Protein backbone atom coordinates (compact mmCIF):
# COMPACT_ATOMS: atom_id res chain seq x y z
CA MET A 1 2.00 31.32 134.97
CA ALA A 2 2.08 33.21 138.18
CA SER A 3 -0.28 35.87 138.95
CA ARG A 4 1.22 39.27 139.92
CA SER A 5 -1.95 40.93 141.28
CA LEU A 6 -4.59 38.33 141.71
CA SER A 7 -5.18 36.45 144.97
CA ARG A 8 -4.71 32.73 144.80
CA LEU A 9 -8.38 32.25 145.78
CA ALA A 10 -9.65 34.56 142.96
CA LEU A 11 -7.30 32.68 140.47
CA ALA A 12 -8.74 29.23 141.71
CA ALA A 13 -12.15 30.57 140.93
CA THR A 14 -10.98 31.91 137.51
CA GLY A 15 -9.42 28.62 136.80
CA VAL A 16 -12.82 26.69 137.61
CA LEU A 17 -14.77 29.17 135.44
CA LEU A 18 -12.82 28.48 132.60
CA THR A 19 -12.61 24.94 132.90
CA THR A 20 -16.25 24.82 133.35
CA LEU A 21 -16.70 26.95 130.08
CA LEU A 22 -14.22 24.58 128.15
CA GLY A 23 -15.92 21.26 129.48
CA GLY A 24 -12.96 19.98 131.22
CA PRO A 25 -9.08 19.80 130.80
CA ALA A 26 -8.08 20.95 127.29
CA THR A 27 -6.29 18.31 125.27
CA ALA A 28 -5.56 17.88 121.54
CA GLN A 29 -7.25 15.13 119.93
CA PRO A 30 -4.62 12.31 118.78
CA ALA A 31 -4.82 13.15 115.08
CA ASP A 32 -4.82 16.98 115.74
CA THR A 33 -1.34 18.02 115.01
CA PRO A 34 -0.08 20.31 117.74
CA VAL A 35 1.31 23.67 117.13
CA PHE A 36 2.47 26.76 119.28
CA TRP A 37 -0.54 29.22 119.29
CA ARG A 38 0.19 32.82 120.35
CA VAL A 39 -2.45 33.79 122.98
CA PRO A 40 -2.64 37.47 124.32
CA ALA A 41 -3.27 37.02 128.05
CA THR A 42 -2.39 38.62 131.25
CA ALA A 43 -0.65 36.81 133.82
CA ALA A 44 -3.70 35.89 135.87
CA GLN A 45 -5.56 34.77 132.57
CA ALA A 46 -2.39 32.72 131.74
CA GLN A 47 -2.58 30.83 135.19
CA ALA A 48 -6.12 30.42 134.70
CA LEU A 49 -5.60 28.82 131.34
CA GLU A 50 -2.92 26.55 132.99
CA ALA A 51 -5.20 25.55 135.80
CA ALA A 52 -7.80 24.73 133.32
CA GLY A 53 -5.31 22.12 131.71
CA PHE A 54 -3.88 23.94 128.66
CA ASP A 55 -0.33 23.47 128.10
CA VAL A 56 0.90 27.30 128.67
CA GLU A 57 4.54 27.91 127.91
CA GLU A 58 6.70 31.10 127.80
CA GLY A 59 5.53 33.81 125.16
CA ASP A 60 6.50 37.41 124.93
CA ALA A 61 5.21 40.55 126.34
CA GLY A 62 1.45 40.30 126.79
CA ALA A 63 1.18 36.91 125.52
CA VAL A 64 1.83 33.22 126.22
CA LEU A 65 2.25 30.22 123.79
CA VAL A 66 -0.26 27.41 124.15
CA VAL A 67 0.50 24.18 122.67
CA GLY A 68 -2.04 22.10 120.86
CA GLY A 69 -4.09 21.57 117.64
CA GLN A 70 -7.34 23.11 116.21
CA ALA A 71 -9.46 21.43 118.84
CA VAL A 72 -7.33 23.44 121.52
CA ALA A 73 -7.45 26.68 119.37
CA ASN A 74 -11.39 26.36 119.34
CA GLN A 75 -11.55 25.86 122.89
CA LEU A 76 -9.49 29.08 123.33
CA ARG A 77 -11.82 31.02 120.98
CA ALA A 78 -14.81 29.72 122.70
CA ALA A 79 -13.54 31.21 125.99
CA GLY A 80 -12.92 34.66 124.58
CA PHE A 81 -9.23 34.44 123.61
CA ARG A 82 -7.59 35.12 120.25
CA PRO A 83 -5.01 32.51 119.30
CA SER A 84 -2.74 32.92 116.25
CA TYR A 85 -0.39 30.60 114.75
CA HIS A 86 3.11 30.92 116.08
CA ASP A 87 5.18 28.11 114.87
CA THR A 88 5.25 24.29 114.42
CA VAL A 89 6.01 21.81 117.24
CA TYR A 90 7.26 19.08 114.90
CA LYS A 91 10.38 20.19 112.86
CA GLU A 92 11.09 18.58 109.26
CA LEU A 93 13.09 15.62 109.70
CA PRO A 94 16.43 15.17 107.89
CA ALA A 95 16.36 12.65 104.71
CA ARG A 96 17.57 9.91 107.19
CA GLY A 97 15.08 10.48 109.62
CA ASN A 98 13.12 7.33 108.77
CA SER A 99 16.27 5.15 108.77
CA LEU A 100 17.70 5.83 112.28
CA GLU A 101 20.44 3.90 114.18
CA ALA A 102 19.29 1.67 116.95
CA ASP A 103 17.98 3.32 120.17
CA THR A 104 17.39 6.74 118.35
CA TYR A 105 14.27 8.51 117.25
CA TYR A 106 13.06 11.87 115.72
CA GLY A 107 16.45 12.15 113.58
CA GLY A 108 18.97 10.95 116.12
CA TYR A 109 17.90 11.75 119.56
CA ARG A 110 18.87 8.88 121.94
CA THR A 111 16.49 6.75 123.98
CA VAL A 112 16.98 6.18 127.70
CA THR A 113 18.63 2.75 126.89
CA ALA A 114 21.05 4.38 124.55
CA HIS A 115 21.96 7.02 127.59
CA GLU A 116 22.25 4.05 129.85
CA ASN A 117 24.51 2.21 127.56
CA HIS A 118 26.55 5.23 127.05
CA LEU A 119 27.21 5.68 130.73
CA THR A 120 28.14 2.11 130.97
CA ALA A 121 30.58 2.30 128.13
CA VAL A 122 32.21 5.57 129.44
CA ALA A 123 32.87 4.16 132.73
CA ALA A 124 34.18 0.89 131.28
CA ALA A 125 36.45 2.97 128.72
CA HIS A 126 37.76 5.42 131.41
CA PRO A 127 37.95 3.77 134.80
CA ASP A 128 40.56 6.34 135.97
CA LEU A 129 38.03 9.18 135.13
CA ALA A 130 34.49 7.86 135.40
CA THR A 131 32.28 6.37 138.05
CA LYS A 132 28.73 5.39 137.42
CA TYR A 133 26.08 5.50 140.08
CA THR A 134 22.46 4.25 140.50
CA ILE A 135 20.91 7.00 142.77
CA GLY A 136 17.22 5.71 142.76
CA GLN A 137 14.56 4.55 140.82
CA SER A 138 11.83 5.86 138.28
CA TRP A 139 8.06 5.60 139.36
CA LYS A 140 7.31 2.98 137.09
CA LYS A 141 10.26 0.78 138.33
CA THR A 142 9.01 1.42 142.03
CA LYS A 143 5.71 -0.10 140.90
CA GLY A 144 7.14 -2.94 139.13
CA GLN A 145 5.94 -1.61 135.86
CA GLY A 146 9.20 -1.76 134.08
CA GLY A 147 10.87 1.63 134.34
CA HIS A 148 14.49 2.60 134.91
CA ASP A 149 17.10 3.31 137.35
CA ILE A 150 17.99 7.09 137.77
CA GLN A 151 21.72 7.05 136.83
CA ALA A 152 24.60 9.39 137.48
CA LEU A 153 28.08 9.81 136.28
CA CYS A 154 30.97 11.37 138.10
CA LEU A 155 33.90 12.21 136.27
CA THR A 156 37.47 13.34 137.63
CA LYS A 157 40.88 12.21 137.49
CA LYS A 158 40.47 10.01 140.49
CA GLN A 159 42.67 10.35 143.46
CA SER A 160 41.80 9.02 147.11
CA GLY A 161 38.33 10.05 148.18
CA ASP A 162 37.24 11.36 144.73
CA CYS A 163 33.89 10.56 143.09
CA THR A 164 32.47 9.22 146.50
CA LEU A 165 29.18 10.03 147.91
CA SER A 166 30.74 12.52 150.43
CA THR A 167 30.30 16.13 151.32
CA THR A 168 33.95 16.36 152.61
CA SER A 169 35.62 14.81 149.58
CA PRO A 170 38.53 17.32 148.42
CA LYS A 171 37.48 18.59 145.08
CA PRO A 172 34.74 21.19 144.29
CA LYS A 173 31.71 19.96 142.37
CA PHE A 174 29.70 20.84 139.34
CA PHE A 175 26.62 19.20 138.99
CA LEU A 176 24.69 19.09 135.56
CA MET A 177 21.08 17.83 135.37
CA ALA A 178 18.94 17.21 132.26
CA GLN A 179 15.70 15.97 130.71
CA ILE A 180 13.75 16.28 133.91
CA HIS A 181 11.01 17.64 131.59
CA ALA A 182 10.99 14.85 129.27
CA ARG A 183 9.98 16.51 125.99
CA GLU A 184 12.77 19.00 126.02
CA LEU A 185 15.07 17.02 123.86
CA SER A 186 18.07 19.04 123.26
CA THR A 187 19.04 18.80 127.11
CA GLY A 188 19.83 15.17 127.25
CA GLU A 189 22.10 15.25 124.20
CA LEU A 190 23.81 18.25 125.59
CA ALA A 191 24.62 16.25 128.65
CA TRP A 192 25.89 13.52 126.40
CA ARG A 193 28.24 15.66 124.71
CA TRP A 194 29.49 17.17 127.98
CA ILE A 195 30.38 13.81 129.26
CA ASP A 196 32.30 12.86 126.00
CA TYR A 197 34.05 16.12 125.80
CA LEU A 198 35.64 15.51 129.38
CA ALA A 199 36.11 11.79 129.12
CA ASP A 200 37.34 11.62 125.53
CA GLY A 201 39.24 14.91 125.73
CA TYR A 202 41.16 14.52 128.99
CA ALA A 203 44.09 13.04 127.00
CA THR A 204 44.31 15.73 124.30
CA ASP A 205 42.55 18.82 125.49
CA ALA A 206 44.18 21.09 127.94
CA THR A 207 40.82 22.45 129.38
CA ALA A 208 39.31 19.20 129.74
CA LYS A 209 42.30 17.95 131.52
CA SER A 210 42.44 20.99 133.72
CA ILE A 211 38.60 20.60 134.92
CA LEU A 212 39.10 16.88 135.64
CA ASP A 213 42.22 17.24 137.48
CA THR A 214 40.81 19.91 139.85
CA THR A 215 36.91 19.37 140.08
CA GLU A 216 34.49 16.62 140.22
CA VAL A 217 31.71 16.77 137.60
CA TRP A 218 28.54 15.15 138.22
CA VAL A 219 25.93 14.51 135.49
CA VAL A 220 22.30 13.09 135.58
CA PRO A 221 21.70 13.01 131.69
CA ILE A 222 18.23 11.74 131.95
CA ALA A 223 16.39 12.86 135.15
CA ASN A 224 12.91 11.74 134.05
CA PRO A 225 13.37 8.25 132.27
CA ASP A 226 9.86 7.09 132.23
CA GLY A 227 8.71 10.42 130.69
CA VAL A 228 11.46 10.04 128.05
CA ASP A 229 10.04 6.69 127.33
CA ILE A 230 6.67 8.07 126.67
CA VAL A 231 8.28 10.79 124.44
CA ALA A 232 10.47 8.39 122.52
CA SER A 233 7.64 5.97 121.90
CA GLY A 234 6.10 8.20 119.26
CA GLY A 235 9.18 7.94 117.09
CA ASN A 236 9.34 10.40 114.40
CA SER A 237 6.36 12.19 116.20
CA PRO A 238 7.58 12.18 119.76
CA LYS A 239 4.96 12.66 122.31
CA LEU A 240 4.79 15.94 124.22
CA GLN A 241 5.04 14.27 127.68
CA ARG A 242 6.46 16.73 130.27
CA LYS A 243 5.77 14.93 133.55
CA ASN A 244 6.79 11.59 134.89
CA ALA A 245 4.49 8.40 134.46
CA ASN A 246 2.71 8.57 137.62
CA ASN A 247 -0.89 7.78 136.59
CA SER A 248 -2.19 7.20 140.18
CA ARG A 249 -4.21 10.39 140.49
CA GLY A 250 -6.94 11.84 138.45
CA SER A 251 -8.62 10.63 135.15
CA CYS A 252 -5.81 12.05 133.11
CA THR A 253 -4.97 10.46 129.72
CA GLY A 254 -2.19 10.58 127.14
CA THR A 255 0.54 13.02 127.91
CA ASN A 256 -1.61 14.78 130.72
CA ILE A 257 -0.65 11.92 133.15
CA GLY A 258 2.22 12.46 135.55
CA VAL A 259 3.78 14.58 138.07
CA ASP A 260 5.93 17.83 137.09
CA LEU A 261 9.19 16.67 138.71
CA ASN A 262 10.33 20.26 138.44
CA ARG A 263 7.46 21.37 140.85
CA ASN A 264 7.95 18.61 143.39
CA SER A 265 11.15 19.46 145.18
CA THR A 266 10.85 19.84 148.96
CA PHE A 267 12.18 23.61 148.94
CA LYS A 268 9.23 25.86 148.92
CA TRP A 269 6.90 23.27 147.54
CA GLY A 270 3.22 23.96 147.16
CA ALA A 271 2.31 27.03 145.18
CA ASP A 272 1.77 25.39 141.79
CA SER A 273 -1.10 23.21 140.45
CA ASN A 274 -3.11 20.84 142.45
CA SER A 275 -4.85 19.72 139.15
CA ALA A 276 -3.53 16.31 138.32
CA CYS A 277 -3.90 16.80 134.54
CA ALA A 278 -2.12 20.15 134.49
CA GLU A 279 1.43 20.28 133.03
CA THR A 280 2.62 21.83 136.34
CA TYR A 281 0.97 19.45 138.59
CA GLN A 282 3.11 19.44 141.84
CA GLY A 283 2.07 16.25 143.24
CA VAL A 284 0.25 15.13 146.42
CA SER A 285 3.24 16.34 148.75
CA ALA A 286 6.68 17.84 148.61
CA GLY A 287 9.24 15.09 147.43
CA SER A 288 6.51 12.57 146.62
CA GLU A 289 7.95 11.28 143.31
CA PRO A 290 10.89 8.77 143.54
CA GLU A 291 12.79 10.68 140.93
CA VAL A 292 12.96 13.82 143.11
CA GLN A 293 13.90 11.84 145.84
CA ALA A 294 16.98 10.37 144.20
CA LEU A 295 17.98 13.84 142.83
CA GLU A 296 17.82 15.39 146.23
CA LYS A 297 19.50 12.57 148.16
CA LEU A 298 22.31 12.78 145.56
CA ALA A 299 22.84 16.46 145.97
CA ARG A 300 22.62 16.00 149.82
CA ALA A 301 25.27 13.44 149.46
CA ILE A 302 27.87 15.35 147.43
CA PHE A 303 27.20 18.99 148.78
CA PRO A 304 27.53 20.25 152.37
CA ASP A 305 24.75 22.51 153.80
CA GLN A 306 26.34 26.05 153.32
CA ARG A 307 23.38 28.35 153.76
CA GLY A 308 20.99 29.39 156.50
CA THR A 309 17.49 28.58 156.80
CA GLY A 310 15.93 32.07 156.05
CA ASN A 311 14.99 33.20 152.71
CA ASN A 312 17.35 36.19 153.31
CA ASP A 313 20.56 34.26 154.49
CA PRO A 314 23.06 34.33 151.86
CA ALA A 315 25.25 31.55 151.03
CA PRO A 316 28.82 32.80 152.09
CA SER A 317 31.32 33.81 149.64
CA THR A 318 33.36 30.79 150.46
CA ALA A 319 30.58 28.44 149.47
CA LYS A 320 31.51 25.76 146.89
CA GLY A 321 29.57 24.02 144.18
CA THR A 322 27.84 24.98 140.97
CA MET A 323 24.69 23.42 139.64
CA ILE A 324 22.96 23.82 136.08
CA THR A 325 19.73 22.25 135.32
CA LEU A 326 18.98 22.18 131.55
CA HIS A 327 15.54 22.90 130.06
CA SER A 328 14.03 24.36 127.07
CA TYR A 329 13.23 26.71 125.51
CA GLY A 330 13.73 30.47 125.97
CA ASN A 331 17.53 31.20 125.71
CA ASP A 332 17.53 32.35 129.37
CA ILE A 333 19.75 31.76 132.17
CA ILE A 334 17.46 32.04 135.23
CA ILE A 335 18.74 32.71 138.47
CA PRO A 336 17.04 32.24 142.02
CA TRP A 337 14.71 32.72 143.30
CA GLY A 338 12.08 31.06 141.53
CA PHE A 339 9.24 30.66 144.24
CA THR A 340 9.15 34.29 144.77
CA GLN A 341 9.58 37.71 142.96
CA ALA A 342 11.95 38.69 145.58
CA THR A 343 15.59 38.29 144.52
CA SER A 344 18.01 36.17 146.46
CA PRO A 345 20.58 37.30 148.84
CA ASN A 346 23.21 36.30 146.57
CA ASP A 347 21.59 38.27 143.77
CA ALA A 348 24.71 40.41 142.85
CA GLN A 349 27.06 37.37 142.80
CA TYR A 350 24.38 35.42 140.75
CA ARG A 351 24.26 38.15 137.94
CA ARG A 352 28.16 38.29 137.81
CA LEU A 353 28.35 34.42 137.34
CA GLY A 354 25.45 34.49 135.07
CA ALA A 355 27.17 37.15 132.88
CA LYS A 356 30.09 34.70 132.58
CA TYR A 357 27.78 32.05 131.10
CA SER A 358 25.96 34.40 128.86
CA ALA A 359 29.35 35.47 127.36
CA SER A 360 29.41 32.14 125.67
CA ASN A 361 25.71 31.41 124.70
CA GLY A 362 24.42 34.88 124.72
CA TYR A 363 21.31 34.04 126.85
CA LEU A 364 19.39 36.61 128.82
CA VAL A 365 20.29 36.50 132.70
CA GLY A 366 17.61 37.28 135.14
CA THR A 367 15.08 36.04 137.69
CA ASN A 368 11.96 34.28 136.73
CA GLU A 369 10.20 37.81 136.69
CA GLU A 370 12.74 39.05 134.12
CA THR A 371 13.02 36.03 131.84
CA VAL A 372 9.97 33.71 131.74
CA GLY A 373 7.62 35.90 133.67
CA TYR A 374 6.16 33.49 136.08
CA ASP A 375 6.96 32.05 139.67
CA THR A 376 7.99 28.35 140.11
CA SER A 377 7.78 26.34 143.41
CA GLY A 378 9.57 23.19 144.26
CA THR A 379 12.07 23.43 141.63
CA THR A 380 15.46 21.70 141.57
CA ASP A 381 17.67 24.78 141.35
CA ASP A 382 15.77 26.54 144.14
CA PHE A 383 16.44 23.37 146.10
CA THR A 384 20.00 22.95 145.71
CA TYR A 385 20.58 26.65 146.32
CA GLY A 386 18.05 27.08 149.05
CA GLU A 387 18.93 24.02 150.96
CA LEU A 388 22.80 23.73 150.32
CA GLY A 389 23.91 27.07 149.09
CA VAL A 390 25.30 25.65 145.68
CA ALA A 391 25.20 28.31 143.06
CA SER A 392 22.36 27.02 140.99
CA VAL A 393 20.76 28.23 137.74
CA THR A 394 18.34 27.00 135.02
CA PHE A 395 19.43 27.17 131.34
CA GLU A 396 16.58 27.48 128.83
CA VAL A 397 18.02 26.10 125.64
CA GLY A 398 16.96 27.48 122.30
CA GLY A 399 14.35 29.85 121.13
CA SER A 400 10.53 29.64 120.78
CA SER A 401 10.30 29.19 117.04
CA GLY A 402 12.17 28.05 114.01
CA THR A 403 13.93 24.84 113.19
CA CYS A 404 16.17 25.15 116.39
CA GLY A 405 13.30 26.16 118.37
CA GLY A 406 10.68 24.77 120.80
CA PHE A 407 10.75 21.31 122.60
CA LEU A 408 11.57 19.45 119.53
CA PRO A 409 14.31 21.20 117.42
CA ARG A 410 15.80 19.36 114.49
CA TYR A 411 18.36 16.99 115.82
CA THR A 412 21.14 18.80 113.73
CA CYS A 413 20.61 21.74 115.91
CA VAL A 414 22.40 19.93 118.68
CA ASP A 415 25.72 19.99 116.92
CA SER A 416 25.19 23.15 114.77
CA THR A 417 23.90 25.34 117.65
CA PHE A 418 23.23 24.14 121.18
CA TRP A 419 26.55 22.37 121.84
CA PRO A 420 28.77 25.25 120.42
CA LYS A 421 26.95 27.90 122.22
CA ASN A 422 26.79 25.81 125.54
CA LYS A 423 30.14 24.29 125.73
CA GLY A 424 31.92 27.18 126.88
CA ALA A 425 29.17 27.95 129.60
CA LEU A 426 29.38 24.40 130.90
CA ILE A 427 33.19 24.84 131.23
CA THR A 428 32.83 28.23 133.23
CA ALA A 429 30.64 26.53 135.45
CA ALA A 430 32.91 23.63 136.03
CA LYS A 431 35.96 26.13 136.60
CA ALA A 432 33.86 28.23 138.85
CA ALA A 433 32.87 25.33 141.16
CA ALA A 434 35.51 26.12 143.61
CA ALA A 435 34.44 29.92 144.31
CA PRO A 436 31.25 30.50 142.51
CA TYR A 437 30.25 33.59 144.67
CA GLN A 438 33.69 35.09 144.06
CA GLN A 439 33.52 35.35 140.36
């Protein structure tokens, strides 16, 4: 969480004190089933908790949610906080939960391998519509430790120059990114359904056909494959890995390893955590992680630079391109800026576009301050907007509690709730790509 009134030096001191009181970074014991604890806290206290290694998430007015088991709750109490039970992390599995199809886990969620095979299959089945790209490598693959390629799919009814890595190709572009935070399970599944809706629906659905006749749709369904491998390795008890698998810094263990890829982008990097075990650890330098390098390289390859260099330089009304990065949870549509409390120079246009998204999913539209309540530096949507002028937002999918809430909603929620709510918003984003600031 980002402080509203405490200097960073004072916050750092608070975090050190809290870490000392707690005896080191907070982690649940392996057998200590995690839950969401509601913890009354100021913004400064919340950031100090995060700096001390707690898994701090969005809460409500005057409180945050902390993920952990009884050991974490005891540490919070020892430091003077008053945690109370909020909700489970793991949801009840359907009856078929222990006899899943191949390459699935936790009731039906797809593994990285399943997503890779899906992209290959779509490109083979629809050569006139789909082009698969390898845009980079995961951290583990760069180190020869297994890992994966980072893969993207471009969808359009192909004509000359379409779906090439070009900033001057004729059609406007909508870029959808998912599962950059590995444990946010529903997001990769939404990307899967979006791909199938367009590719399979082109022949029969007038809206899908209209989109692909006029627009390039780029999708990275799994932006953090190493992290998703860790999550899926837990099977019916997915591991709560948020970050990538980079274990080269610090003495972190379990799901505390890694770099938060949504704090590592090169635009306005450097105001999040320097603690290697923290969930928002930003890495050793801007763009240090290969996954982030791949995503930024793709964005620069398909979108022209349409915005000035100053914080107050707006993207012109003629700027093209939309981008949505899918996260969970919160039922929010977060508009720039993330790195500062100041609104972006395109704030009015963003609110109009956000209202059109919200007409489909009902999510709250606002800045970080108005939604999650904390600043974020080095994020992917700040990068695509700040560097390139692309109309970029974050969707936080799902609520904070219940069967369809949290990081690990029941798999059936994807089709019963998340896809029906967000299909229309994704259609709106694709249709808006030609002139997003004129909506």
